[in-house]
């Protein structure tokens, strides 16, 4: 059993290394097995398919998937409080996390660049997790003029695009150096301010 778990860990880690250094187009069975130092038949034995192996990696690394269980606890523990600080914290954490994870940047780029059953499945799981958070905001925004789901869509999409754009085209976007601590702090403050505006205007 120990050897099985060690092998699975090596294969999952190999996916991350290849994503980081070579990109998603290099996620091939032979390449992953070589990087992990194991026979490629073990990919099929332990994960059944290459897609399930990649999915296992994503479930461990994706921000919204990683915090699925802790998100349930946060929501349960904050039901009597305003959802505003929790929403702000989660969105700010998403920015910080995504900025520091080149592997996840490549995966989101893969998700956006073409049709993939795997990426569609992961997107749907991510949406399901995010729905739990949005439901927590419903009480505040019910029958109000602000559609907080639309606000959230723009914030989450803006976080992804800003980081992906600066990774590919340099650190500056809208005259903000996203690679600098000052630029990052400005983005974090703006996330807080936009959420605050939405709650105040509703």
Protein backbone atom coordinates (compact mmCIF):
# COMPACT_ATOMS: atom_id res chain seq x y z
CA UNK A 1 0.00 0.00 0.00
CA UNK A 2 2.82 2.37 0.85
CA UNK A 3 4.45 1.87 -2.57
CA UNK A 4 1.12 2.49 -4.28
CA UNK A 5 0.59 5.79 -2.45
CA UNK A 6 4.19 6.86 -3.08
CA UNK A 7 3.82 6.10 -6.79
CA UNK A 8 0.54 8.01 -7.00
CA UNK A 9 2.18 10.97 -5.27
CA UNK A 10 5.12 10.88 -7.70
CA UNK A 11 2.75 10.83 -10.67
CA UNK A 12 0.65 13.72 -9.34
CA UNK A 13 3.80 15.72 -8.58
CA UNK A 14 5.10 14.99 -12.09
CA UNK A 15 1.95 16.55 -13.55
CA UNK A 16 2.68 19.73 -11.61
CA UNK A 17 6.32 19.86 -12.65
CA UNK A 18 5.47 19.40 -16.31
CA UNK A 19 2.75 22.03 -16.19
CA UNK A 20 5.09 24.50 -14.54
CA UNK A 21 8.08 23.92 -16.81
CA UNK A 22 6.67 22.69 -20.14
CA UNK A 23 2.97 23.56 -20.26
CA UNK A 24 -0.21 21.53 -20.62
CA UNK A 25 0.63 20.35 -24.14
CA UNK A 26 3.43 18.27 -22.60
CA UNK A 27 1.03 16.34 -20.34
CA UNK A 28 1.43 13.03 -22.13
CA UNK A 29 1.52 9.56 -20.61
CA UNK A 30 5.12 8.80 -21.56
CA UNK A 31 6.33 12.21 -20.45
CA UNK A 32 4.61 12.01 -17.06
CA UNK A 33 5.81 8.44 -16.42
CA UNK A 34 9.37 9.41 -17.33
CA UNK A 35 9.27 12.46 -15.05
CA UNK A 36 7.89 10.33 -12.19
CA UNK A 37 10.41 7.56 -12.85
CA UNK A 38 7.75 4.84 -13.09
CA UNK A 39 6.28 2.55 -15.74
CA UNK A 40 3.46 4.21 -17.65
CA UNK A 41 1.18 1.22 -16.99
CA UNK A 42 0.91 2.45 -13.39
CA UNK A 43 -0.95 5.54 -14.59
CA UNK A 44 -3.72 3.29 -15.88
CA UNK A 45 -3.56 0.99 -12.85
CA UNK A 46 -3.92 3.74 -10.27
CA UNK A 47 -5.87 6.42 -12.18
CA UNK A 48 -7.50 4.48 -15.07
CA UNK A 49 -6.88 7.32 -17.55
CA UNK A 50 -4.53 10.24 -18.09
CA UNK A 51 -7.46 12.62 -17.56
CA UNK A 52 -8.21 11.20 -14.12
CA UNK A 53 -4.56 11.64 -13.15
CA UNK A 54 -4.65 15.29 -14.22
CA UNK A 55 -7.95 15.71 -12.42
CA UNK A 56 -6.39 14.33 -9.22
CA UNK A 57 -3.70 17.00 -9.48
CA UNK A 58 -6.22 19.79 -10.11
CA UNK A 59 -8.43 18.76 -7.18
CA UNK A 60 -5.40 19.18 -4.92
CA UNK A 61 -4.26 22.50 -6.38
CA UNK A 62 -7.28 24.48 -7.60
CA UNK A 63 -8.17 27.27 -5.15
CA UNK A 64 -11.92 26.70 -5.06
CA UNK A 65 -11.56 22.91 -4.99
CA UNK A 66 -8.92 22.98 -2.24
CA UNK A 67 -11.05 25.10 0.05
CA UNK A 68 -14.29 23.21 -0.55
CA UNK A 69 -14.40 21.59 2.89
CA UNK A 70 -13.03 24.59 4.76
CA UNK A 71 -15.50 26.77 2.86
CA UNK A 72 -18.36 24.71 4.29
CA UNK A 73 -16.97 25.26 7.79
CA UNK A 74 -16.49 28.99 7.20
CA UNK A 75 -20.04 29.38 5.96
CA UNK A 76 -21.45 27.38 8.87
CA UNK A 77 -19.46 29.38 11.43
CA UNK A 78 -20.37 32.74 9.90
CA UNK A 79 -24.10 32.30 9.32
CA UNK A 80 -24.94 34.84 12.01
CA UNK A 81 -22.43 37.40 10.68
CA UNK A 82 -22.30 39.58 7.59
CA UNK A 83 -21.06 37.68 4.55
CA UNK A 84 -19.13 40.75 3.33
CA UNK A 85 -15.79 40.16 5.15
CA UNK A 86 -15.81 36.45 4.24
CA UNK A 87 -16.46 37.15 0.55
CA UNK A 88 -13.75 39.82 0.55
CA UNK A 89 -11.24 37.48 2.21
CA UNK A 90 -11.93 34.60 -0.18
CA UNK A 91 -11.58 36.80 -3.28
CA UNK A 92 -8.38 38.41 -2.00
CA UNK A 93 -6.98 34.97 -1.18
CA UNK A 94 -7.87 33.80 -4.68
CA UNK A 95 -5.81 36.65 -6.15
CA UNK A 96 -2.81 35.92 -3.91
CA UNK A 97 -3.01 32.17 -4.50
CA UNK A 98 -3.41 32.36 -8.28
CA UNK A 99 -0.60 34.90 -8.58
CA UNK A 100 1.81 32.52 -6.82
CA UNK A 101 0.84 29.33 -8.69
CA UNK A 102 2.19 29.14 -12.27
CA UNK A 103 0.84 25.61 -12.64
CA UNK A 104 -2.71 26.81 -11.99
CA UNK A 105 -2.19 29.73 -14.34
CA UNK A 106 -1.35 27.26 -17.10
CA UNK A 107 -4.39 25.13 -16.23
CA UNK A 108 -6.78 28.09 -16.41
CA UNK A 109 -5.18 29.07 -19.70
CA UNK A 110 -5.80 25.52 -20.91
CA UNK A 111 -9.40 25.74 -19.74
CA UNK A 112 -9.91 28.95 -21.70
CA UNK A 113 -8.08 27.89 -24.85
CA UNK A 114 -10.29 25.10 -26.11
CA UNK A 115 -12.88 22.45 -25.47
CA UNK A 116 -11.84 19.71 -23.07
CA UNK A 117 -14.09 17.26 -21.25
CA UNK A 118 -11.69 17.32 -18.31
CA UNK A 119 -11.60 21.11 -18.05
CA UNK A 120 -15.40 21.31 -18.40
CA UNK A 121 -15.79 18.82 -15.56
CA UNK A 122 -13.38 20.79 -13.35
CA UNK A 123 -15.13 24.05 -14.22
CA UNK A 124 -18.49 22.58 -13.21
CA UNK A 125 -17.07 21.33 -9.89
CA UNK A 126 -15.55 24.76 -9.24
CA UNK A 127 -18.90 26.41 -9.99
CA UNK A 128 -20.63 24.06 -7.56
CA UNK A 129 -18.22 25.03 -4.79
CA UNK A 130 -18.60 28.73 -5.56
CA UNK A 131 -22.37 28.38 -5.44
CA UNK A 132 -22.16 27.63 -1.72
CA UNK A 133 -20.54 30.99 -1.13
CA UNK A 134 -22.98 32.86 -3.35
CA UNK A 135 -25.92 31.32 -1.52
CA UNK A 136 -24.53 32.81 1.67
CA UNK A 137 -24.86 36.29 0.13
CA UNK A 138 -28.45 35.75 -1.02
CA UNK A 139 -29.99 36.90 2.23
CA UNK A 140 -28.34 40.30 1.94
CA UNK A 141 -28.97 40.83 -1.78
CA UNK A 142 -32.46 39.29 -2.05
CA UNK A 143 -34.82 41.66 -3.88
CA UNK A 144 -32.08 44.29 -4.09
CA UNK A 145 -30.91 46.21 -7.15
CA UNK A 146 -27.39 44.73 -7.02
CA UNK A 147 -26.81 41.35 -8.68
CA UNK A 148 -23.92 40.09 -6.60
CA UNK A 149 -23.42 37.05 -8.82
CA UNK A 150 -22.61 39.43 -11.68
CA UNK A 151 -20.25 41.39 -9.42
CA UNK A 152 -18.54 38.14 -8.39
CA UNK A 153 -18.22 37.02 -12.01
CA UNK A 154 -16.43 40.23 -12.92
CA UNK A 155 -14.13 40.02 -9.89
CA UNK A 156 -13.18 36.36 -10.36
CA UNK A 157 -12.79 36.79 -14.11
CA UNK A 158 -10.81 39.99 -13.60
CA UNK A 159 -8.44 38.25 -11.19
CA UNK A 160 -7.78 35.45 -13.68
CA UNK A 161 -7.37 37.75 -16.66
CA UNK A 162 -5.16 40.31 -14.92
CA UNK A 163 -2.71 37.65 -13.76
CA UNK A 164 -2.72 35.69 -17.02
CA UNK A 165 -2.25 38.88 -19.05
CA UNK A 166 0.69 40.09 -16.98
CA UNK A 167 2.30 36.62 -16.98
CA UNK A 168 2.26 36.60 -20.78
CA UNK A 169 2.81 40.27 -21.57
CA UNK A 170 4.80 41.79 -18.72
CA UNK A 171 3.97 42.97 -15.23
CA UNK A 172 2.00 46.13 -16.01
CA UNK A 173 -1.74 46.17 -16.61
CA UNK A 174 -3.82 49.38 -16.58
CA UNK A 175 -0.65 51.12 -15.37
CA UNK A 176 -0.43 48.86 -12.30
CA UNK A 177 2.67 46.75 -11.84
CA UNK A 178 1.03 43.50 -10.74
CA UNK A 179 4.42 41.90 -10.09
CA UNK A 180 5.27 44.50 -7.43
CA UNK A 181 4.03 44.37 -3.84
CA UNK A 182 2.60 47.88 -4.20
CA UNK A 183 0.63 46.87 -7.29
CA UNK A 184 -0.63 43.72 -5.61
CA UNK A 185 -1.75 45.69 -2.57
CA UNK A 186 -3.69 48.06 -4.84
CA UNK A 187 -5.52 45.12 -6.40
CA UNK A 188 -6.32 43.67 -2.97
CA UNK A 189 -7.63 47.02 -1.72
CA UNK A 190 -9.75 47.41 -4.84
CA UNK A 191 -11.32 43.97 -4.36
CA UNK A 192 -12.31 44.98 -0.84
CA UNK A 193 -13.67 48.31 -2.07
CA UNK A 194 -15.78 46.80 -4.86
CA UNK A 195 -17.36 44.27 -2.47
CA UNK A 196 -17.98 47.09 0.02
CA UNK A 197 -19.65 49.23 -2.66
CA UNK A 198 -21.91 46.34 -3.66
CA UNK A 199 -23.05 45.80 -0.06
CA UNK A 200 -23.51 49.52 0.60
CA UNK A 201 -25.45 50.21 -2.62
CA UNK A 202 -27.83 47.27 -2.27
